[in-house]
Amino acid sequence: EAEAAWKEWLKESKYDPMTIPDLLQGKEPGQQH
């Protein structure tokens, strides 16, 4: 699962220290950071 998220991120390789959009879905509000 973590490897798949990394490979998805590699498509744009955009680093955002605040949040990783769409890769941490399903977490409680406030835990998407």
PDB file of all heavy atoms in Angstrom:
ATOM      1  N   GLU A   1       0.833  -1.212   0.000  1.00  0.00           N
ATOM      2  CA  GLU A   1       0.000   0.000   0.000  1.00  0.00           C
ATOM      3  C   GLU A   1       0.861   1.253   0.000  1.00  0.00           C
ATOM      4  O   GLU A   1       0.593   2.218  -0.734  1.00  0.00           O
ATOM      5  CB  GLU A   1      -0.928  -0.006   1.217  1.00  0.00           C
ATOM      6  CG  GLU A   1      -1.997  -1.082   1.201  1.00  0.00           C
ATOM      7  CD  GLU A   1      -1.466  -2.461   1.586  1.00  0.00           C
ATOM      8  OE1 GLU A   1      -0.312  -2.554   2.074  1.00  0.00           O
ATOM      9  OE2 GLU A   1      -2.212  -3.447   1.415  1.00  0.00           O
ATOM     10  N   ALA A   2       1.894   1.261   0.837  1.00  0.00           N
ATOM     11  CA  ALA A   2       2.770   2.424   0.901  1.00  0.00           C
ATOM     12  C   ALA A   2       3.556   2.588  -0.399  1.00  0.00           C
ATOM     13  O   ALA A   2       3.773   3.706  -0.883  1.00  0.00           O
ATOM     14  CB  ALA A   2       3.729   2.295   2.081  1.00  0.00           C
ATOM     15  N   GLU A   3       3.962   1.472  -0.977  1.00  0.00           N
ATOM     16  CA  GLU A   3       4.696   1.528  -2.237  1.00  0.00           C
ATOM     17  C   GLU A   3       3.811   2.068  -3.358  1.00  0.00           C
ATOM     18  O   GLU A   3       4.257   2.864  -4.196  1.00  0.00           O
ATOM     19  CB  GLU A   3       5.219   0.140  -2.605  1.00  0.00           C
ATOM     20  CG  GLU A   3       6.100   0.132  -3.832  1.00  0.00           C
ATOM     21  CD  GLU A   3       6.724  -1.226  -4.092  1.00  0.00           C
ATOM     22  OE1 GLU A   3       6.210  -2.239  -3.573  1.00  0.00           O
ATOM     23  OE2 GLU A   3       7.736  -1.280  -4.826  1.00  0.00           O
ATOM     24  N   ALA A   4       2.543   1.657  -3.359  1.00  0.00           N
ATOM     25  CA  ALA A   4       1.613   2.148  -4.375  1.00  0.00           C
ATOM     26  C   ALA A   4       1.392   3.649  -4.234  1.00  0.00           C
ATOM     27  O   ALA A   4       1.326   4.377  -5.236  1.00  0.00           O
ATOM     28  CB  ALA A   4       0.280   1.400  -4.256  1.00  0.00           C
ATOM     29  N   ALA A   5       1.306   4.129  -2.989  1.00  0.00           N
ATOM     30  CA  ALA A   5       1.134   5.565  -2.761  1.00  0.00           C
ATOM     31  C   ALA A   5       2.349   6.336  -3.255  1.00  0.00           C
ATOM     32  O   ALA A   5       2.224   7.409  -3.855  1.00  0.00           O
ATOM     33  CB  ALA A   5       0.907   5.826  -1.273  1.00  0.00           C
ATOM     34  N   TRP A   6       3.529   5.784  -3.012  1.00  0.00           N
ATOM     35  CA  TRP A   6       4.766   6.429  -3.472  1.00  0.00           C
ATOM     36  C   TRP A   6       4.817   6.490  -4.998  1.00  0.00           C
ATOM     37  O   TRP A   6       5.149   7.531  -5.583  1.00  0.00           O
ATOM     38  CB  TRP A   6       5.966   5.655  -2.922  1.00  0.00           C
ATOM     39  CG  TRP A   6       7.276   6.042  -3.516  1.00  0.00           C
ATOM     40  CD1 TRP A   6       7.882   7.274  -3.459  1.00  0.00           C
ATOM     41  CD2 TRP A   6       8.162   5.198  -4.267  1.00  0.00           C
ATOM     42  NE1 TRP A   6       9.087   7.241  -4.120  1.00  0.00           N
ATOM     43  CE2 TRP A   6       9.292   5.980  -4.627  1.00  0.00           C
ATOM     44  CE3 TRP A   6       8.116   3.850  -4.639  1.00  0.00           C
ATOM     45  CZ2 TRP A   6      10.349   5.456  -5.365  1.00  0.00           C
ATOM     46  CZ3 TRP A   6       9.183   3.329  -5.362  1.00  0.00           C
ATOM     47  CH2 TRP A   6      10.275   4.130  -5.723  1.00  0.00           C
ATOM     48  N   LYS A   7       4.454   5.416  -5.668  1.00  0.00           N
ATOM     49  CA  LYS A   7       4.479   5.394  -7.123  1.00  0.00           C
ATOM     50  C   LYS A   7       3.459   6.367  -7.712  1.00  0.00           C
ATOM     51  O   LYS A   7       3.704   6.982  -8.756  1.00  0.00           O
ATOM     52  CB  LYS A   7       4.234   3.975  -7.631  1.00  0.00           C
ATOM     53  CG  LYS A   7       5.415   3.036  -7.370  1.00  0.00           C
ATOM     54  CD  LYS A   7       5.151   1.624  -7.877  1.00  0.00           C
ATOM     55  CE  LYS A   7       6.368   0.735  -7.660  1.00  0.00           C
ATOM     56  NZ  LYS A   7       6.128  -0.658  -8.114  1.00  0.00           N
ATOM     57  N   GLU A   8       2.337   6.512  -7.027  1.00  0.00           N
ATOM     58  CA  GLU A   8       1.345   7.493  -7.462  1.00  0.00           C
ATOM     59  C   GLU A   8       1.910   8.904  -7.313  1.00  0.00           C
ATOM     60  O   GLU A   8       1.741   9.759  -8.187  1.00  0.00           O
ATOM     61  CB  GLU A   8       0.065   7.346  -6.643  1.00  0.00           C
ATOM     62  CG  GLU A   8      -1.064   8.279  -7.038  1.00  0.00           C
ATOM     63  CD  GLU A   8      -1.606   8.011  -8.431  1.00  0.00           C
ATOM     64  OE1 GLU A   8      -1.468   6.862  -8.931  1.00  0.00           O
ATOM     65  OE2 GLU A   8      -2.174   8.945  -9.031  1.00  0.00           O
ATOM     66  N   TRP A   9       2.587   9.138  -6.199  1.00  0.00           N
ATOM     67  CA  TRP A   9       3.191  10.449  -5.959  1.00  0.00           C
ATOM     68  C   TRP A   9       4.257  10.770  -7.003  1.00  0.00           C
ATOM     69  O   TRP A   9       4.415  11.923  -7.426  1.00  0.00           O
ATOM     70  CB  TRP A   9       3.800  10.487  -4.559  1.00  0.00           C
ATOM     71  CG  TRP A   9       4.551  11.742  -4.261  1.00  0.00           C
ATOM     72  CD1 TRP A   9       4.026  12.944  -3.859  1.00  0.00           C
ATOM     73  CD2 TRP A   9       5.966  11.953  -4.365  1.00  0.00           C
ATOM     74  NE1 TRP A   9       5.026  13.877  -3.705  1.00  0.00           N
ATOM     75  CE2 TRP A   9       6.236  13.292  -4.005  1.00  0.00           C
ATOM     76  CE3 TRP A   9       7.037  11.128  -4.717  1.00  0.00           C
ATOM     77  CZ2 TRP A   9       7.513  13.834  -3.991  1.00  0.00           C
ATOM     78  CZ3 TRP A   9       8.320  11.654  -4.706  1.00  0.00           C
ATOM     79  CH2 TRP A   9       8.548  12.989  -4.350  1.00  0.00           C
ATOM     80  N   LEU A  10       4.992   9.772  -7.454  1.00  0.00           N
ATOM     81  CA  LEU A  10       6.072   9.977  -8.417  1.00  0.00           C
ATOM     82  C   LEU A  10       5.583  10.561  -9.744  1.00  0.00           C
ATOM     83  O   LEU A  10       6.362  11.176 -10.483  1.00  0.00           O
ATOM     84  CB  LEU A  10       6.798   8.659  -8.695  1.00  0.00           C
ATOM     85  CG  LEU A  10       7.782   8.163  -7.636  1.00  0.00           C
ATOM     86  CD1 LEU A  10       8.324   6.792  -8.023  1.00  0.00           C
ATOM     87  CD2 LEU A  10       8.924   9.154  -7.440  1.00  0.00           C
ATOM     88  N   LYS A  11       4.302  10.392 -10.037  1.00  0.00           N
ATOM     89  CA  LYS A  11       3.776  10.892 -11.307  1.00  0.00           C
ATOM     90  C   LYS A  11       3.939  12.400 -11.424  1.00  0.00           C
ATOM     91  O   LYS A  11       4.136  12.937 -12.511  1.00  0.00           O
ATOM     92  CB  LYS A  11       2.301  10.500 -11.455  1.00  0.00           C
ATOM     93  CG  LYS A  11       2.098   8.997 -11.607  1.00  0.00           C
ATOM     94  CD  LYS A  11       0.609   8.660 -11.682  1.00  0.00           C
ATOM     95  CE  LYS A  11       0.396   7.153 -11.831  1.00  0.00           C
ATOM     96  NZ  LYS A  11      -1.044   6.793 -11.870  1.00  0.00           N
ATOM     97  N   GLU A  12       3.837  13.101 -10.286  1.00  0.00           N
ATOM     98  CA  GLU A  12       4.028  14.548 -10.291  1.00  0.00           C
ATOM     99  C   GLU A  12       5.202  14.971  -9.419  1.00  0.00           C
ATOM    100  O   GLU A  12       5.770  16.042  -9.611  1.00  0.00           O
ATOM    101  CB  GLU A  12       2.760  15.266  -9.813  1.00  0.00           C
ATOM    102  CG  GLU A  12       1.583  15.101 -10.751  1.00  0.00           C
ATOM    103  CD  GLU A  12       0.400  15.945 -10.332  1.00  0.00           C
ATOM    104  OE1 GLU A  12       0.526  16.712  -9.347  1.00  0.00           O
ATOM    105  OE2 GLU A  12      -0.661  15.844 -10.978  1.00  0.00           O
ATOM    106  N   SER A  13       5.551  14.126  -8.449  1.00  0.00           N
ATOM    107  CA  SER A  13       6.665  14.406  -7.530  1.00  0.00           C
ATOM    108  C   SER A  13       6.553  15.790  -6.904  1.00  0.00           C
ATOM    109  O   SER A  13       7.542  16.512  -6.761  1.00  0.00           O
ATOM    110  CB  SER A  13       8.008  14.267  -8.249  1.00  0.00           C
ATOM    111  OG  SER A  13       8.175  12.963  -8.733  1.00  0.00           O
ATOM    112  N   LYS A  14       5.352  16.150  -6.517  1.00  0.00           N
ATOM    113  CA  LYS A  14       5.132  17.451  -5.884  1.00  0.00           C
ATOM    114  C   LYS A  14       5.218  17.287  -4.376  1.00  0.00           C
ATOM    115  O   LYS A  14       4.430  16.552  -3.785  1.00  0.00           O
ATOM    116  CB  LYS A  14       3.767  18.009  -6.286  1.00  0.00           C
ATOM    117  CG  LYS A  14       3.475  19.379  -5.680  1.00  0.00           C
ATOM    118  CD  LYS A  14       2.101  19.884  -6.104  1.00  0.00           C
ATOM    119  CE  LYS A  14       1.801  21.235  -5.487  1.00  0.00           C
ATOM    120  NZ  LYS A  14       0.449  21.720  -5.862  1.00  0.00           N
ATOM    121  N   TYR A  15       6.150  17.981  -3.772  1.00  0.00           N
ATOM    122  CA  TYR A  15       6.344  17.837  -2.337  1.00  0.00           C
ATOM    123  C   TYR A  15       5.595  18.935  -1.600  1.00  0.00           C
ATOM    124  O   TYR A  15       5.849  20.122  -1.798  1.00  0.00           O
ATOM    125  CB  TYR A  15       7.820  17.903  -1.977  1.00  0.00           C
ATOM    126  CG  TYR A  15       8.044  17.720  -0.494  1.00  0.00           C
ATOM    127  CD1 TYR A  15       7.701  16.515   0.118  1.00  0.00           C
ATOM    128  CD2 TYR A  15       8.556  18.724   0.291  1.00  0.00           C
ATOM    129  CE1 TYR A  15       7.873  16.334   1.473  1.00  0.00           C
ATOM    130  CE2 TYR A  15       8.744  18.556   1.648  1.00  0.00           C
ATOM    131  CZ  TYR A  15       8.398  17.353   2.239  1.00  0.00           C
ATOM    132  OH  TYR A  15       8.559  17.179   3.587  1.00  0.00           O
ATOM    133  N   ASP A  16       4.672  18.538  -0.732  1.00  0.00           N
ATOM    134  CA  ASP A  16       3.892  19.473   0.058  1.00  0.00           C
ATOM    135  C   ASP A  16       3.973  19.034   1.510  1.00  0.00           C
ATOM    136  O   ASP A  16       3.396  18.015   1.878  1.00  0.00           O
ATOM    137  CB  ASP A  16       2.431  19.471  -0.409  1.00  0.00           C
ATOM    138  CG  ASP A  16       1.579  20.483   0.348  1.00  0.00           C
ATOM    139  OD1 ASP A  16       2.061  21.042   1.345  1.00  0.00           O
ATOM    140  OD2 ASP A  16       0.428  20.702  -0.068  1.00  0.00           O
ATOM    141  N   PRO A  17       4.692  19.765   2.355  1.00  0.00           N
ATOM    142  CA  PRO A  17       4.864  19.338   3.735  1.00  0.00           C
ATOM    143  C   PRO A  17       3.599  19.413   4.574  1.00  0.00           C
ATOM    144  O   PRO A  17       3.549  18.885   5.678  1.00  0.00           O
ATOM    145  CB  PRO A  17       5.929  20.296   4.269  1.00  0.00           C
ATOM    146  CG  PRO A  17       5.785  21.513   3.432  1.00  0.00           C
ATOM    147  CD  PRO A  17       5.427  20.999   2.066  1.00  0.00           C
ATOM    148  N   MET A  18       2.551  20.058   4.054  1.00  0.00           N
ATOM    149  CA  MET A  18       1.320  20.177   4.826  1.00  0.00           C
ATOM    150  C   MET A  18       0.437  18.952   4.674  1.00  0.00           C
ATOM    151  O   MET A  18      -0.105  18.420   5.618  1.00  0.00           O
ATOM    152  CB  MET A  18       0.539  21.425   4.386  1.00  0.00           C
ATOM    153  CG  MET A  18      -0.742  21.645   5.174  1.00  0.00           C
ATOM    154  SD  MET A  18      -0.470  21.831   6.938  1.00  0.00           S
ATOM    155  CE  MET A  18      -2.152  22.028   7.511  1.00  0.00           C
ATOM    156  N   THR A  19       0.277  18.475   3.438  1.00  0.00           N
ATOM    157  CA  THR A  19      -0.651  17.375   3.217  1.00  0.00           C
ATOM    158  C   THR A  19      -0.280  16.601   1.962  1.00  0.00           C
ATOM    159  O   THR A  19       0.341  17.136   1.057  1.00  0.00           O
ATOM    160  CB  THR A  19      -2.100  17.892   3.094  1.00  0.00           C
ATOM    161  OG1 THR A  19      -2.978  16.794   2.880  1.00  0.00           O
ATOM    162  CG2 THR A  19      -2.253  18.867   1.944  1.00  0.00           C
ATOM    163  N   ILE A  20      -0.647  15.346   1.948  1.00  0.00           N
ATOM    164  CA  ILE A  20      -0.459  14.511   0.767  1.00  0.00           C
ATOM    165  C   ILE A  20      -1.853  14.204   0.214  1.00  0.00           C
ATOM    166  O   ILE A  20      -2.532  13.293   0.666  1.00  0.00           O
ATOM    167  CB  ILE A  20       0.267  13.205   1.111  1.00  0.00           C
ATOM    168  CG1 ILE A  20       1.631  13.524   1.741  1.00  0.00           C
ATOM    169  CG2 ILE A  20       0.464  12.342  -0.119  1.00  0.00           C
ATOM    170  CD1 ILE A  20       2.576  14.274   0.842  1.00  0.00           C
ATOM    171  N   PRO A  21      -2.345  14.974  -0.721  1.00  0.00           N
ATOM    172  CA  PRO A  21      -3.715  14.832  -1.206  1.00  0.00           C
ATOM    173  C   PRO A  21      -3.979  13.459  -1.805  1.00  0.00           C
ATOM    174  O   PRO A  21      -3.140  12.884  -2.489  1.00  0.00           O
ATOM    175  CB  PRO A  21      -3.827  15.917  -2.281  1.00  0.00           C
ATOM    176  CG  PRO A  21      -2.675  16.837  -2.044  1.00  0.00           C
ATOM    177  CD  PRO A  21      -1.605  16.004  -1.442  1.00  0.00           C
ATOM    178  N   ASP A  22      -5.147  12.935  -1.512  1.00  0.00           N
ATOM    179  CA  ASP A  22      -5.685  11.723  -2.134  1.00  0.00           C
ATOM    180  C   ASP A  22      -4.930  10.438  -1.781  1.00  0.00           C
ATOM    181  O   ASP A  22      -5.344   9.358  -2.179  1.00  0.00           O
ATOM    182  CB  ASP A  22      -5.696  11.849  -3.666  1.00  0.00           C
ATOM    183  CG  ASP A  22      -6.498  13.053  -4.128  1.00  0.00           C
ATOM    184  OD1 ASP A  22      -7.526  13.335  -3.480  1.00  0.00           O
ATOM    185  OD2 ASP A  22      -6.095  13.693  -5.096  1.00  0.00           O
ATOM    186  N   LEU A  23      -3.830  10.538  -1.041  1.00  0.00           N
ATOM    187  CA  LEU A  23      -3.060   9.341  -0.741  1.00  0.00           C
ATOM    188  C   LEU A  23      -3.328   8.816   0.662  1.00  0.00           C
ATOM    189  O   LEU A  23      -2.982   7.696   0.981  1.00  0.00           O
ATOM    190  CB  LEU A  23      -1.567   9.618  -0.898  1.00  0.00           C
ATOM    191  CG  LEU A  23      -1.135  10.012  -2.315  1.00  0.00           C
ATOM    192  CD1 LEU A  23       0.362  10.254  -2.335  1.00  0.00           C
ATOM    193  CD2 LEU A  23      -1.501   8.926  -3.313  1.00  0.00           C
ATOM    194  N   LEU A  24      -3.941   9.641   1.498  1.00  0.00           N
ATOM    195  CA  LEU A  24      -4.225   9.236   2.868  1.00  0.00           C
ATOM    196  C   LEU A  24      -5.726   9.229   3.113  1.00  0.00           C
ATOM    197  O   LEU A  24      -6.207   9.618   4.145  1.00  0.00           O
ATOM    198  CB  LEU A  24      -3.535  10.182   3.860  1.00  0.00           C
ATOM    199  CG  LEU A  24      -2.020  10.287   3.719  1.00  0.00           C
ATOM    200  CD1 LEU A  24      -1.467  11.257   4.750  1.00  0.00           C
ATOM    201  CD2 LEU A  24      -1.364   8.938   3.889  1.00  0.00           C
ATOM    202  N   GLN A  25      -6.460   8.792   2.135  1.00  0.00           N
ATOM    203  CA  GLN A  25      -7.913   8.793   2.230  1.00  0.00           C
ATOM    204  C   GLN A  25      -8.386   7.826   3.308  1.00  0.00           C
ATOM    205  O   GLN A  25      -7.762   6.825   3.601  1.00  0.00           O
ATOM    206  CB  GLN A  25      -8.505   8.385   0.890  1.00  0.00           C
ATOM    207  CG  GLN A  25      -8.035   9.279  -0.230  1.00  0.00           C
ATOM    208  CD  GLN A  25      -9.177   9.998  -0.904  1.00  0.00           C
ATOM    209  OE1 GLN A  25     -10.300   9.570  -0.809  1.00  0.00           O
ATOM    210  NE2 GLN A  25      -8.893  11.085  -1.561  1.00  0.00           N
ATOM    211  N   GLY A  26      -9.515   8.164   3.914  1.00  0.00           N
ATOM    212  CA  GLY A  26     -10.093   7.279   4.903  1.00  0.00           C
ATOM    213  C   GLY A  26      -9.663   7.587   6.319  1.00  0.00           C
ATOM    214  O   GLY A  26     -10.146   6.981   7.262  1.00  0.00           O
ATOM    215  N   LYS A  27      -8.761   8.560   6.487  1.00  0.00           N
ATOM    216  CA  LYS A  27      -8.344   8.925   7.833  1.00  0.00           C
ATOM    217  C   LYS A  27      -9.374   9.860   8.443  1.00  0.00           C
ATOM    218  O   LYS A  27     -10.153  10.500   7.754  1.00  0.00           O
ATOM    219  CB  LYS A  27      -6.967   9.588   7.805  1.00  0.00           C
ATOM    220  CG  LYS A  27      -5.877   8.697   7.262  1.00  0.00           C
ATOM    221  CD  LYS A  27      -4.546   9.300   7.516  1.00  0.00           C
ATOM    222  CE  LYS A  27      -3.772   8.434   8.470  1.00  0.00           C
ATOM    223  NZ  LYS A  27      -2.476   8.976   8.795  1.00  0.00           N
ATOM    224  N   GLU A  28      -9.365   9.954   9.765  1.00  0.00           N
ATOM    225  CA  GLU A  28     -10.297  10.839  10.446  1.00  0.00           C
ATOM    226  C   GLU A  28      -9.973  12.293  10.111  1.00  0.00           C
ATOM    227  O   GLU A  28      -8.833  12.626   9.808  1.00  0.00           O
ATOM    228  CB  GLU A  28     -10.194  10.631  11.959  1.00  0.00           C
ATOM    229  CG  GLU A  28     -10.688   9.269  12.404  1.00  0.00           C
ATOM    230  CD  GLU A  28     -10.744   9.170  13.910  1.00  0.00           C
ATOM    231  OE1 GLU A  28     -10.629  10.226  14.569  1.00  0.00           O
ATOM    232  OE2 GLU A  28     -10.925   8.063  14.422  1.00  0.00           O
ATOM    233  N   PRO A  29     -10.982  13.184  10.203  1.00  0.00           N
ATOM    234  CA  PRO A  29     -10.706  14.604   9.979  1.00  0.00           C
ATOM    235  C   PRO A  29      -9.593  15.075  10.899  1.00  0.00           C
ATOM    236  O   PRO A  29      -9.540  14.728  12.066  1.00  0.00           O
ATOM    237  CB  PRO A  29     -12.042  15.275  10.341  1.00  0.00           C
ATOM    238  CG  PRO A  29     -13.071  14.205  10.087  1.00  0.00           C
ATOM    239  CD  PRO A  29     -12.397  12.919  10.468  1.00  0.00           C
ATOM    240  N   GLY A  30      -8.688  15.879  10.347  1.00  0.00           N
ATOM    241  CA  GLY A  30      -7.573  16.359  11.146  1.00  0.00           C
ATOM    242  C   GLY A  30      -6.371  15.448  11.072  1.00  0.00           C
ATOM    243  O   GLY A  30      -5.320  15.770  11.592  1.00  0.00           O
ATOM    244  N   GLN A  31      -6.523  14.281  10.416  1.00  0.00           N
ATOM    245  CA  GLN A  31      -5.391  13.366  10.329  1.00  0.00           C
ATOM    246  C   GLN A  31      -4.882  13.222   8.905  1.00  0.00           C
ATOM    247  O   GLN A  31      -4.083  12.345   8.618  1.00  0.00           O
ATOM    248  CB  GLN A  31      -5.797  11.994  10.857  1.00  0.00           C
ATOM    249  CG  GLN A  31      -5.782  11.954  12.372  1.00  0.00           C
ATOM    250  CD  GLN A  31      -5.332  10.622  12.861  1.00  0.00           C
ATOM    251  OE1 GLN A  31      -6.011   9.630  12.654  1.00  0.00           O
ATOM    252  NE2 GLN A  31      -4.210  10.576  13.520  1.00  0.00           N
ATOM    253  N   GLN A  32      -5.325  14.093   8.029  1.00  0.00           N
ATOM    254  CA  GLN A  32      -4.867  14.010   6.657  1.00  0.00           C
ATOM    255  C   GLN A  32      -3.502  14.667   6.492  1.00  0.00           C
ATOM    256  O   GLN A  32      -2.902  14.575   5.447  1.00  0.00           O
ATOM    257  CB  GLN A  32      -5.875  14.674   5.704  1.00  0.00           C
ATOM    258  CG  GLN A  32      -5.929  16.191   5.785  1.00  0.00           C
ATOM    259  CD  GLN A  32      -6.810  16.686   6.901  1.00  0.00           C
ATOM    260  OE1 GLN A  32      -7.156  15.947   7.802  1.00  0.00           O
ATOM    261  NE2 GLN A  32      -7.188  17.951   6.844  1.00  0.00           N
ATOM    262  N   HIS A  33      -3.026  15.333   7.530  1.00  0.00           N
ATOM    263  CA  HIS A  33      -1.751  16.027   7.421  1.00  0.00           C
ATOM    264  C   HIS A  33      -0.596  15.042   7.313  1.00  0.00           C
ATOM    265  O   HIS A  33      -0.652  13.918   7.772  1.00  0.00           O
ATOM    266  CB  HIS A  33      -1.562  16.953   8.627  1.00  0.00           C
ATOM    267  CG  HIS A  33      -2.635  17.969   8.773  1.00  0.00           C
ATOM    268  ND1 HIS A  33      -2.920  18.882   7.796  1.00  0.00           N
ATOM    269  CD2 HIS A  33      -3.499  18.209   9.784  1.00  0.00           C
ATOM    270  CE1 HIS A  33      -3.913  19.649   8.202  1.00  0.00           C
ATOM    271  NE2 HIS A  33      -4.275  19.263   9.392  1.00  0.00           N
TER     272      HIS A  33
END
